[in-house]
Amino acid sequence: MYGLSVGVSQIGTTLPSPVYALISGLNAATVGIIALAAVRLSERAITDKLTRLLVYLGGVLGMLYTALWYYPIIMIGAGATSLVWDRRYPHLLVNATMKITKKLRPSRRPLIPTERKRTRDVEEGSDMKSSWPLYDIGKPLPPPPPTYSVRDTYISDRPRFKGLTPKPPPPTPQIDEKAKAPTSKPCQFSSMSWQLGISIIAVFLATFALTIAFHILSGRPSRSFSVFSSLYLAGTIIFGGGPVVIPLLREYIVAPGWVSPRDFLLGLAIIQAFPGPNFNFAVYLGSLAVAGTSVPSYLGALIAFIAMYAPGLFIVVGFMGLWSLLRHRAWFLSILRGVNAAAVGLVFTAVYKLWQIGYLTAAKQGQPLGTDPWLVAITGTAFVGGAWFNLSAPVAILLGGAMGIARWAIILD
């Protein structure tokens, strides 16, 4: 990705028309592949009505607004919601309300007929449902007579045929429990202690707080530190995989004017056909972001790489020590269930935001893909090819680029 950034930095302000068609086709196919990934992730994340609702709300809320603090709030809210629901706090509140309402409601005692009233009804013949005398009312019925079976009394006490005696059942073989189930040591996720895990997470939180505080209090920090702090924050709050990071990177890198929208979309289109995670896109953006400053491009790429990957490494290594303590906690699993559902919803947010900026032309950079029906067809082709025909993601994206160039050739003719 660093070599790609060096090559892109040497490109002029205007690209040939086939290049714009190629980039737009690659972006349209990328949106289709990410949409397919979102659907498959939702099938795994949705286990009940609550997770279905959290996936929906995560996607909708992510589409409505984009800010540095917004995605973490969605994650925290989803985790808290699943925790409250799984602990049945709403059910307890409803049950308590119903009990209080029942106590406040006036009670009505059912009317019981008196003995005089019952006697008068019997004498007048109004009670024709029963012909029992008064002294027999309320007495239990006599038990039914016992039933006898000739087969039980005559045949079951002796063999069916004379001279034959029933054979005793064969003895049950004794199985050694040790040989039946060989002992195996429980699988240990990590040999790291929980104290060390807490220490690593504490160090990470301290560095995160210092980085953000210095970025805010310094007023006008240098370009290199601004890139580091922005990507450090993006790497911290990203949940749901690589597609979610694309809209945030555009918000943090393109919006301040460090990288042009054309170069951003060009790198985004090319990286989809390359192996590796989308986090490698940060290396490309870091190299371009420090262009025009005294910082070398390779140092900008290194700064972006460290800032993007360090938060995830800190969190994963820290939780390796805590996992043995938390994996059996019901409240922790409830929080993870909600966070995972909201993260899948944010993948749908990434689909929408990439759809809005995928169409690239010389006049306008970053139009919605719905502007051109051919690009919509490319998106549908990538989605259907991956879902129904097991088309791999790189092949589908390259096919989208070829379809974009084919459209340009047809219109040119």
Protein backbone atom coordinates (compact mmCIF):
# COMPACT_ATOMS: atom_id res chain seq x y z
CA MET A 1 0.00 0.00 0.00
CA TYR A 2 2.92 2.35 0.54
CA GLY A 3 4.09 1.78 -3.04
CA LEU A 4 0.56 2.52 -4.27
CA SER A 5 0.50 5.77 -2.32
CA VAL A 6 3.81 6.84 -3.86
CA GLY A 7 2.44 6.16 -7.32
CA VAL A 8 -0.84 7.97 -6.68
CA SER A 9 0.99 11.02 -5.36
CA GLN A 10 2.67 11.40 -8.76
CA ILE A 11 -0.65 11.49 -10.64
CA GLY A 12 -1.90 14.83 -11.90
CA THR A 13 -5.13 16.52 -10.98
CA THR A 14 -7.10 14.95 -13.85
CA LEU A 15 -7.28 11.27 -14.79
CA PRO A 16 -8.22 9.74 -18.13
CA SER A 17 -11.87 8.82 -18.59
CA PRO A 18 -11.25 5.02 -18.57
CA VAL A 19 -9.64 5.33 -15.13
CA TYR A 20 -12.74 7.01 -13.71
CA ALA A 21 -14.89 4.26 -15.21
CA LEU A 22 -12.60 1.60 -13.75
CA ILE A 23 -12.64 3.16 -10.26
CA SER A 24 -16.42 3.55 -10.28
CA GLY A 25 -16.88 -0.08 -11.34
CA LEU A 26 -14.51 -1.30 -8.62
CA ASN A 27 -16.32 0.78 -5.99
CA ALA A 28 -19.73 -0.50 -7.08
CA ALA A 29 -18.56 -4.11 -6.85
CA THR A 30 -17.01 -3.37 -3.45
CA VAL A 31 -20.35 -2.14 -2.13
CA GLY A 32 -22.00 -5.37 -3.31
CA ILE A 33 -19.39 -7.52 -1.57
CA ILE A 34 -19.67 -5.57 1.69
CA ALA A 35 -23.47 -5.79 1.53
CA LEU A 36 -23.20 -9.58 1.19
CA ALA A 37 -20.82 -9.68 4.17
CA ALA A 38 -23.31 -7.62 6.20
CA VAL A 39 -26.15 -10.03 5.40
CA ARG A 40 -24.09 -13.09 6.35
CA LEU A 41 -22.89 -11.47 9.56
CA SER A 42 -26.45 -10.59 10.50
CA GLU A 43 -27.53 -14.21 10.05
CA ARG A 44 -24.99 -15.20 12.71
CA ALA A 45 -25.56 -12.27 15.05
CA ILE A 46 -29.36 -12.44 15.13
CA THR A 47 -30.48 -15.03 17.66
CA ASP A 48 -33.73 -13.51 18.93
CA LYS A 49 -35.95 -10.46 18.54
CA LEU A 50 -33.68 -8.29 20.69
CA THR A 51 -30.57 -8.85 18.55
CA ARG A 52 -32.67 -8.30 15.43
CA LEU A 53 -33.75 -4.93 16.82
CA LEU A 54 -30.18 -4.00 17.80
CA VAL A 55 -28.87 -4.80 14.32
CA TYR A 56 -31.56 -2.59 12.82
CA LEU A 57 -30.97 0.29 15.23
CA GLY A 58 -27.18 0.08 14.83
CA GLY A 59 -27.49 0.41 11.07
CA VAL A 60 -30.07 3.21 11.15
CA LEU A 61 -28.37 5.28 13.84
CA GLY A 62 -25.01 4.93 12.11
CA MET A 63 -26.51 6.29 8.87
CA LEU A 64 -27.98 9.36 10.54
CA TYR A 65 -24.80 10.83 12.02
CA THR A 66 -21.01 10.47 11.98
CA ALA A 67 -18.70 11.77 14.71
CA LEU A 68 -15.69 10.71 16.76
CA TRP A 69 -17.76 9.84 19.82
CA TYR A 70 -20.89 8.54 18.08
CA TYR A 71 -20.01 4.93 17.30
CA PRO A 72 -18.79 4.15 20.85
CA ILE A 73 -22.10 5.47 22.22
CA ILE A 74 -23.99 3.07 19.94
CA MET A 75 -21.81 0.18 21.15
CA ILE A 76 -22.26 1.03 24.82
CA GLY A 77 -26.00 1.50 24.42
CA ALA A 78 -26.43 -1.85 22.68
CA GLY A 79 -24.40 -3.69 25.32
CA ALA A 80 -26.37 -2.06 28.16
CA THR A 81 -29.67 -2.86 26.45
CA SER A 82 -28.88 -6.56 26.06
CA LEU A 83 -27.65 -6.72 29.66
CA VAL A 84 -30.85 -5.16 31.01
CA TRP A 85 -33.02 -7.40 28.86
CA ASP A 86 -31.21 -10.64 29.67
CA ARG A 87 -31.28 -9.89 33.40
CA ARG A 88 -35.08 -9.56 32.97
CA TYR A 89 -35.25 -6.15 34.62
CA PRO A 90 -38.21 -5.04 32.44
CA HIS A 91 -40.09 -8.24 33.30
CA LEU A 92 -39.49 -7.71 37.02
CA LEU A 93 -40.76 -4.13 36.73
CA VAL A 94 -43.92 -5.24 34.93
CA ASN A 95 -44.58 -8.00 37.48
CA ALA A 96 -44.11 -5.60 40.38
CA THR A 97 -46.48 -3.10 38.78
CA MET A 98 -49.11 -5.78 38.26
CA LYS A 99 -48.83 -6.90 41.90
CA ILE A 100 -49.26 -3.34 43.18
CA THR A 101 -52.24 -2.81 40.89
CA LYS A 102 -53.81 -6.03 42.07
CA LYS A 103 -53.43 -5.01 45.71
CA LEU A 104 -54.98 -1.60 45.12
CA ARG A 105 -57.96 -3.05 43.25
CA PRO A 106 -61.02 -3.71 45.56
CA SER A 107 -61.64 -7.41 46.11
CA ARG A 108 -65.06 -9.02 45.59
CA ARG A 109 -66.10 -12.03 47.69
CA PRO A 110 -68.20 -14.58 45.76
CA LEU A 111 -71.70 -15.16 47.13
CA ILE A 112 -72.21 -18.57 48.81
CA PRO A 113 -75.83 -19.89 48.99
CA THR A 114 -77.03 -20.62 52.51
CA GLU A 115 -78.32 -23.99 53.69
CA ARG A 116 -81.87 -22.59 53.97
CA LYS A 117 -81.80 -21.38 50.39
CA ARG A 118 -80.59 -24.78 49.16
CA THR A 119 -83.34 -26.58 51.13
CA ARG A 120 -86.04 -24.33 49.70
CA ASP A 121 -84.85 -24.93 46.15
CA VAL A 122 -84.94 -28.68 46.66
CA GLU A 123 -88.45 -28.59 48.12
CA GLU A 124 -89.75 -26.43 45.30
CA GLY A 125 -88.11 -28.68 42.70
CA SER A 126 -86.04 -25.91 41.19
CA ASP A 127 -82.86 -27.88 41.68
CA MET A 128 -83.49 -30.68 39.18
CA LYS A 129 -79.88 -31.32 38.32
CA SER A 130 -79.41 -33.62 41.28
CA SER A 131 -81.68 -36.25 42.84
CA TRP A 132 -79.46 -36.93 45.83
CA PRO A 133 -80.98 -36.32 49.27
CA LEU A 134 -79.72 -33.50 51.36
CA TYR A 135 -77.76 -35.71 53.73
CA ASP A 136 -75.85 -37.26 50.80
CA ILE A 137 -74.72 -33.97 49.25
CA GLY A 138 -71.03 -33.47 49.73
CA LYS A 139 -70.20 -37.08 50.60
CA PRO A 140 -67.45 -38.69 48.54
CA LEU A 141 -68.37 -41.48 46.15
CA PRO A 142 -67.47 -45.03 47.17
CA PRO A 143 -64.30 -46.38 45.54
CA PRO A 144 -64.78 -48.50 42.42
CA PRO A 145 -64.58 -52.28 42.85
CA PRO A 146 -61.19 -53.84 42.11
CA THR A 147 -60.71 -55.35 38.68
CA TYR A 148 -59.40 -58.86 38.30
CA SER A 149 -57.69 -60.41 35.35
CA VAL A 150 -57.57 -64.14 34.76
CA ARG A 151 -54.34 -63.71 32.89
CA ASP A 152 -52.77 -61.92 35.85
CA THR A 153 -53.90 -64.43 38.47
CA TYR A 154 -53.48 -67.67 36.57
CA ILE A 155 -50.89 -67.26 33.84
CA SER A 156 -48.49 -64.66 35.14
CA ASP A 157 -47.56 -66.72 38.23
CA ARG A 158 -46.16 -69.63 36.27
CA PRO A 159 -44.45 -70.31 32.92
CA ARG A 160 -46.53 -70.24 29.77
CA PHE A 161 -45.46 -73.78 28.84
CA LYS A 162 -44.97 -76.57 31.29
CA GLY A 163 -41.39 -77.59 31.93
CA LEU A 164 -39.94 -74.22 30.79
CA THR A 165 -38.61 -71.67 33.21
CA PRO A 166 -37.71 -68.12 32.22
CA LYS A 167 -34.00 -67.54 31.75
CA PRO A 168 -32.40 -64.83 33.80
CA PRO A 169 -31.16 -61.79 31.84
CA PRO A 170 -27.49 -61.81 30.83
CA PRO A 171 -25.19 -59.97 33.22
CA THR A 172 -24.34 -56.40 32.32
CA PRO A 173 -20.66 -56.07 31.43
CA GLN A 174 -18.75 -53.83 33.77
CA ILE A 175 -17.08 -50.93 32.00
CA ASP A 176 -14.17 -49.20 33.57
CA GLU A 177 -14.96 -45.50 33.83
CA LYS A 178 -11.32 -44.54 33.36
CA ALA A 179 -11.08 -46.51 30.14
CA LYS A 180 -14.47 -45.26 28.94
CA ALA A 181 -13.63 -41.57 29.06
CA PRO A 182 -9.94 -40.77 28.85
CA THR A 183 -9.01 -37.84 30.96
CA SER A 184 -8.06 -34.66 29.15
CA LYS A 185 -6.78 -31.45 30.54
CA PRO A 186 -9.12 -28.47 30.18
CA CYS A 187 -8.24 -26.19 27.31
CA GLN A 188 -6.63 -23.02 28.52
CA PHE A 189 -7.21 -19.96 26.37
CA SER A 190 -4.19 -18.15 27.70
CA SER A 191 -1.57 -18.64 30.36
CA MET A 192 -1.50 -14.89 31.05
CA SER A 193 -2.69 -13.83 34.49
CA TRP A 194 -5.64 -11.53 34.90
CA GLN A 195 -3.48 -9.01 36.78
CA LEU A 196 -1.24 -8.61 33.74
CA GLY A 197 -4.28 -8.31 31.50
CA ILE A 198 -5.71 -5.49 33.61
CA SER A 199 -2.32 -3.76 33.59
CA ILE A 200 -2.12 -3.85 29.79
CA ILE A 201 -5.64 -2.46 29.39
CA ALA A 202 -4.90 0.25 31.97
CA VAL A 203 -1.77 1.31 30.06
CA PHE A 204 -3.76 1.44 26.83
CA LEU A 205 -6.51 3.58 28.39
CA ALA A 206 -3.90 5.95 29.80
CA THR A 207 -2.18 6.40 26.43
CA PHE A 208 -5.54 6.87 24.75
CA ALA A 209 -6.61 9.56 27.22
CA LEU A 210 -3.27 11.39 26.95
CA THR A 211 -3.36 11.32 23.14
CA ILE A 212 -6.86 12.74 22.89
CA ALA A 213 -6.23 15.33 25.63
CA PHE A 214 -3.05 16.58 23.95
CA HIS A 215 -4.83 16.74 20.59
CA ILE A 216 -7.58 18.91 22.07
CA LEU A 217 -5.43 21.16 24.29
CA SER A 218 -2.60 21.79 21.84
CA GLY A 219 -4.83 23.86 19.56
CA ARG A 220 -2.98 23.37 16.26
CA PRO A 221 -0.94 20.13 16.48
CA SER A 222 1.40 19.07 13.72
CA ARG A 223 0.11 17.12 10.74
CA SER A 224 1.88 13.92 11.77
CA PHE A 225 0.46 14.00 15.31
CA SER A 226 -3.02 14.82 13.99
CA VAL A 227 -2.86 11.79 11.72
CA PHE A 228 -1.68 9.62 14.61
CA SER A 229 -4.38 10.79 17.04
CA SER A 230 -7.18 10.48 14.48
CA LEU A 231 -6.21 6.96 13.43
CA TYR A 232 -5.53 5.95 17.05
CA LEU A 233 -9.08 6.95 17.88
CA ALA A 234 -10.46 5.18 14.80
CA GLY A 235 -8.60 1.98 15.67
CA THR A 236 -9.98 2.11 19.21
CA ILE A 237 -13.67 2.53 18.48
CA ILE A 238 -13.93 0.29 15.42
CA PHE A 239 -16.14 -2.75 15.89
CA GLY A 240 -17.48 -5.05 13.22
CA GLY A 241 -14.48 -5.54 10.96
CA GLY A 242 -12.84 -3.70 8.11
CA PRO A 243 -15.87 -2.27 6.25
CA VAL A 244 -16.83 -0.11 9.23
CA VAL A 245 -13.47 1.66 9.24
CA ILE A 246 -13.87 3.07 5.71
CA PRO A 247 -16.45 5.80 6.53
CA LEU A 248 -14.48 6.83 9.61
CA LEU A 249 -11.23 7.08 7.67
CA ARG A 250 -12.95 9.29 5.14
CA GLU A 251 -14.31 11.46 7.94
CA TYR A 252 -10.94 11.80 9.72
CA ILE A 253 -8.57 12.04 6.74
CA VAL A 254 -10.52 13.44 3.80
CA ALA A 255 -12.70 15.97 5.64
CA PRO A 256 -9.70 17.96 7.03
CA GLY A 257 -8.29 18.16 3.48
CA TRP A 258 -5.23 15.96 4.01
CA VAL A 259 -6.20 13.57 1.19
CA SER A 260 -8.39 14.38 -1.82
CA PRO A 261 -11.65 12.45 -2.36
CA ARG A 262 -10.31 11.20 -5.69
CA ASP A 263 -7.19 9.67 -4.15
CA PHE A 264 -9.27 8.19 -1.33
CA LEU A 265 -11.67 6.45 -3.74
CA LEU A 266 -8.82 5.37 -6.00
CA GLY A 267 -7.03 3.65 -3.12
CA LEU A 268 -10.28 2.19 -1.83
CA ALA A 269 -11.07 0.66 -5.20
CA ILE A 270 -7.63 -0.89 -5.62
CA ILE A 271 -7.22 -2.23 -2.08
CA GLN A 272 -10.36 -4.36 -2.39
CA ALA A 273 -8.62 -6.55 -4.95
CA PHE A 274 -5.55 -6.96 -2.74
CA PRO A 275 -5.22 -9.56 0.04
CA GLY A 276 -5.19 -8.46 3.64
CA PRO A 277 -7.53 -6.49 5.91
CA ASN A 278 -8.94 -3.08 5.12
CA PHE A 279 -6.86 -1.64 7.96
CA ASN A 280 -3.95 -1.65 5.51
CA PHE A 281 -5.76 1.22 3.84
CA ALA A 282 -4.50 3.39 6.72
CA VAL A 283 -0.91 2.95 5.49
CA TYR A 284 -1.93 4.34 2.11
CA LEU A 285 -3.74 7.29 3.69
CA GLY A 286 -0.93 8.03 6.16
CA SER A 287 1.62 8.31 3.38
CA LEU A 288 -0.57 10.71 1.39
CA ALA A 289 -1.64 12.72 4.45
CA VAL A 290 1.89 13.95 5.24
CA ALA A 291 2.55 15.01 1.64
CA GLY A 292 3.68 18.62 1.47
CA THR A 293 5.15 18.58 4.98
CA SER A 294 8.65 18.00 6.31
CA VAL A 295 7.71 14.45 7.38
CA PRO A 296 8.80 11.76 4.87
CA SER A 297 6.06 9.69 3.28
CA TYR A 298 7.40 6.41 4.66
CA LEU A 299 7.31 7.85 8.20
CA GLY A 300 3.69 8.90 7.69
CA ALA A 301 2.84 5.36 6.55
CA LEU A 302 4.57 3.94 9.65
CA ILE A 303 2.74 6.37 11.96
CA ALA A 304 -0.60 5.39 10.43
CA PHE A 305 0.20 1.68 10.70
CA ILE A 306 1.09 1.90 14.40
CA ALA A 307 -1.87 4.13 15.24
CA MET A 308 -4.33 1.83 13.51
CA TYR A 309 -3.12 -1.53 14.80
CA ALA A 310 -1.88 -0.66 18.32
CA PRO A 311 -5.35 -0.24 19.97
CA GLY A 312 -6.56 -3.62 18.75
CA LEU A 313 -3.38 -5.36 19.89
CA PHE A 314 -3.61 -3.76 23.34
CA ILE A 315 -7.25 -4.77 23.77
CA VAL A 316 -6.85 -8.33 22.47
CA VAL A 317 -3.73 -9.09 24.52
CA GLY A 318 -5.25 -7.53 27.63
CA PHE A 319 -8.47 -9.51 27.37
CA MET A 320 -6.52 -12.73 26.89
CA GLY A 321 -5.70 -12.54 30.57
CA LEU A 322 -9.26 -11.64 31.57
CA TRP A 323 -11.04 -14.11 29.32
CA SER A 324 -10.66 -17.03 31.71
CA LEU A 325 -12.50 -14.99 34.35
CA LEU A 326 -15.15 -13.41 32.15
CA ARG A 327 -16.13 -16.10 29.66
CA HIS A 328 -18.47 -17.81 32.14
CA ARG A 329 -20.06 -14.61 33.43
CA ALA A 330 -23.63 -14.24 32.20
CA TRP A 331 -23.55 -10.44 32.32
CA PHE A 332 -20.38 -10.29 30.23
CA LEU A 333 -21.80 -12.60 27.57
CA SER A 334 -24.97 -10.49 27.47
CA ILE A 335 -22.93 -7.35 26.84
CA LEU A 336 -20.96 -9.04 24.08
CA ARG A 337 -24.19 -10.19 22.44
CA GLY A 338 -25.50 -6.64 22.22
CA VAL A 339 -22.19 -5.15 21.08
CA ASN A 340 -21.87 -7.76 18.34
CA ALA A 341 -25.39 -7.06 17.07
CA ALA A 342 -24.78 -3.30 16.92
CA ALA A 343 -21.43 -3.86 15.19
CA VAL A 344 -23.17 -5.83 12.45
CA GLY A 345 -25.61 -2.95 12.06
CA LEU A 346 -22.66 -0.61 11.53
CA VAL A 347 -21.55 -2.78 8.61
CA PHE A 348 -24.85 -1.89 6.94
CA THR A 349 -23.98 1.74 7.73
CA ALA A 350 -20.71 1.29 5.84
CA VAL A 351 -22.65 -0.06 2.86
CA TYR A 352 -24.82 3.05 2.78
CA LYS A 353 -21.97 5.51 3.17
CA LEU A 354 -19.87 3.85 0.48
CA TRP A 355 -22.91 3.81 -1.78
CA GLN A 356 -23.18 7.58 -1.40
CA ILE A 357 -19.60 8.29 -2.55
CA GLY A 358 -18.81 5.45 -4.97
CA TYR A 359 -19.39 7.17 -8.32
CA LEU A 360 -16.32 9.10 -9.47
CA THR A 361 -16.10 11.40 -12.49
CA ALA A 362 -13.80 14.20 -13.59
CA ALA A 363 -16.45 16.80 -12.79
CA LYS A 364 -17.70 15.45 -9.46
CA GLN A 365 -15.82 13.25 -7.03
CA GLY A 366 -17.94 11.13 -4.75
CA GLN A 367 -21.49 10.84 -6.12
CA PRO A 368 -24.07 8.19 -5.16
CA LEU A 369 -23.89 4.98 -7.17
CA GLY A 370 -27.62 5.23 -7.81
CA THR A 371 -26.92 8.09 -10.22
CA ASP A 372 -25.94 5.56 -12.92
CA PRO A 373 -28.11 2.41 -13.36
CA TRP A 374 -25.13 0.52 -14.78
CA LEU A 375 -23.29 0.89 -11.49
CA VAL A 376 -26.36 -0.42 -9.67
CA ALA A 377 -26.23 -3.45 -11.96
CA ILE A 378 -22.55 -3.96 -11.09
CA THR A 379 -23.37 -3.86 -7.38
CA GLY A 380 -26.13 -6.42 -7.87
CA THR A 381 -23.84 -8.64 -9.93
CA ALA A 382 -21.20 -8.70 -7.20
CA PHE A 383 -23.81 -9.47 -4.53
CA VAL A 384 -25.54 -12.24 -6.47
CA GLY A 385 -22.26 -13.70 -7.71
CA GLY A 386 -20.94 -14.06 -4.19
CA ALA A 387 -24.22 -15.26 -2.66
CA TRP A 388 -25.44 -17.75 -5.27
CA PHE A 389 -22.42 -18.69 -7.39
CA ASN A 390 -19.64 -18.65 -4.75
CA LEU A 391 -17.73 -15.96 -6.61
CA SER A 392 -14.71 -14.86 -4.58
CA ALA A 393 -14.44 -11.21 -3.55
CA PRO A 394 -11.33 -10.34 -5.63
CA VAL A 395 -12.83 -11.90 -8.76
CA ALA A 396 -16.14 -10.09 -8.23
CA ILE A 397 -14.37 -6.75 -7.75
CA LEU A 398 -12.21 -7.22 -10.84
CA LEU A 399 -15.33 -8.17 -12.78
CA GLY A 400 -16.92 -4.93 -11.62
CA GLY A 401 -13.94 -2.95 -12.90
CA ALA A 402 -14.16 -4.72 -16.26
CA MET A 403 -17.87 -3.94 -16.48
CA GLY A 404 -17.13 -0.28 -15.74
CA ILE A 405 -14.59 -0.09 -18.58
CA ALA A 406 -17.00 -1.94 -20.89
CA ARG A 407 -19.66 0.67 -20.25
CA TRP A 408 -17.19 3.46 -21.03
CA ALA A 409 -16.21 1.73 -24.30
CA ILE A 410 -19.84 1.29 -25.33
CA ILE A 411 -20.75 4.90 -24.64
CA LEU A 412 -17.59 6.12 -26.42
CA ASP A 413 -18.56 4.20 -29.51
